[in-house]
Amino acid sequence: MLPVTLPWFRNAEIECITELEAPLTESGPFYTDVQPGDLVYYKPLDSITLIYEETSSVPTLTKMGEITSSDLDAFKDLPDNLDMHIGAR
């Protein structure tokens, strides 16, 4: 699926979310220790979330990756709706 450009929206000033057209195949393990910079798949809503602020977690997340080369503060200044490109290294 990668690389891909998807429409994202900001949620609660802590994360950016994109909803997928079809569910991803995943079998866990589920992840409950969410950290700023994490990119997670939320199975109940078939969405990908990029966490950029401290937050609590739910037990239905699968960690997909993390942002390692960016200042997370940049996400605070993004518009509420935007297209964002995700790629793999």
Protein backbone atom coordinates (compact mmCIF):
# COMPACT_ATOMS: atom_id res chain seq x y z
CA MET A 1 0.00 0.00 0.00
CA LEU A 2 2.97 2.34 0.56
CA PRO A 3 3.85 4.90 -0.57
CA VAL A 4 0.43 6.57 -0.45
CA THR A 5 -1.10 10.03 -0.09
CA LEU A 6 -4.27 10.16 2.04
CA PRO A 7 -6.65 12.84 3.36
CA TRP A 8 -6.09 13.45 7.09
CA PHE A 9 -7.91 15.45 9.75
CA ARG A 10 -6.69 16.67 13.12
CA ASN A 11 -8.43 15.33 16.19
CA ALA A 12 -8.40 16.86 19.69
CA GLU A 13 -5.05 18.62 19.09
CA ILE A 14 -3.21 15.34 19.77
CA GLU A 15 -3.38 13.31 16.55
CA CYS A 16 -4.01 13.24 12.81
CA ILE A 17 -6.37 10.56 11.51
CA THR A 18 -7.12 9.12 8.08
CA GLU A 19 -9.92 6.67 7.36
CA LEU A 20 -9.16 3.84 4.95
CA GLU A 21 -11.47 2.63 2.20
CA ALA A 22 -10.88 -1.00 3.17
CA PRO A 23 -9.56 -2.66 6.33
CA LEU A 24 -5.93 -3.70 6.61
CA THR A 25 -5.07 -7.29 7.38
CA GLU A 26 -3.69 -7.48 10.90
CA SER A 27 -3.51 -10.04 13.64
CA GLY A 28 -1.98 -8.05 16.47
CA PRO A 29 -0.33 -7.89 18.82
CA PHE A 30 -2.33 -4.95 20.04
CA TYR A 31 -0.42 -1.99 21.39
CA THR A 32 -1.36 0.01 24.48
CA ASP A 33 1.74 2.15 25.15
CA VAL A 34 1.12 4.98 22.68
CA GLN A 35 3.91 7.57 22.43
CA PRO A 36 4.15 10.84 20.47
CA GLY A 37 5.45 10.01 16.99
CA ASP A 38 3.70 6.64 16.77
CA LEU A 39 1.76 5.68 13.66
CA VAL A 40 -0.98 3.20 14.62
CA TYR A 41 -3.81 1.31 12.94
CA TYR A 42 -7.17 1.46 14.73
CA LYS A 43 -9.07 -1.60 13.58
CA PRO A 44 -12.62 -0.75 14.78
CA LEU A 45 -12.75 2.30 12.46
CA ASP A 46 -10.25 1.13 9.80
CA SER A 47 -8.18 4.23 10.37
CA ILE A 48 -4.54 5.18 10.71
CA THR A 49 -3.59 7.65 13.42
CA LEU A 50 -0.42 9.65 13.79
CA ILE A 51 0.03 10.61 17.45
CA TYR A 52 1.90 13.89 18.03
CA GLU A 53 1.03 14.66 21.68
CA GLU A 54 0.89 12.58 24.87
CA THR A 55 -2.42 10.70 25.12
CA SER A 56 -4.01 7.61 26.59
CA SER A 57 -4.47 4.46 24.55
CA VAL A 58 -7.10 1.89 23.72
CA PRO A 59 -6.36 -1.87 23.47
CA THR A 60 -7.23 -2.11 19.75
CA LEU A 61 -4.20 -0.39 18.18
CA THR A 62 -1.52 -1.99 16.04
CA LYS A 63 1.74 -0.05 15.82
CA MET A 64 2.72 0.46 12.18
CA GLY A 65 5.76 2.69 12.63
CA GLU A 66 7.00 5.93 14.06
CA ILE A 67 8.26 9.32 13.02
CA THR A 68 11.97 9.43 13.71
CA SER A 69 13.33 12.39 11.75
CA SER A 70 10.84 15.18 12.33
CA ASP A 71 10.00 17.74 14.99
CA LEU A 72 6.53 16.71 16.18
CA ASP A 73 5.75 20.34 17.07
CA ALA A 74 5.33 20.94 13.31
CA PHE A 75 2.06 18.97 13.46
CA LYS A 76 0.54 21.57 15.78
CA ASP A 77 0.65 24.18 13.01
CA LEU A 78 -0.90 22.05 10.27
CA PRO A 79 -4.40 22.83 8.98
CA ASP A 80 -7.29 20.78 10.35
CA ASN A 81 -7.67 18.95 7.01
CA LEU A 82 -4.76 18.09 4.74
CA ASP A 83 -3.33 15.49 2.38
CA MET A 84 -0.30 13.71 3.83
CA HIS A 85 2.11 11.31 2.12
CA ILE A 86 3.33 8.17 3.93
CA GLY A 87 6.27 6.16 2.68
CA ALA A 88 8.55 3.42 3.98
CA ARG A 89 12.31 3.57 4.50
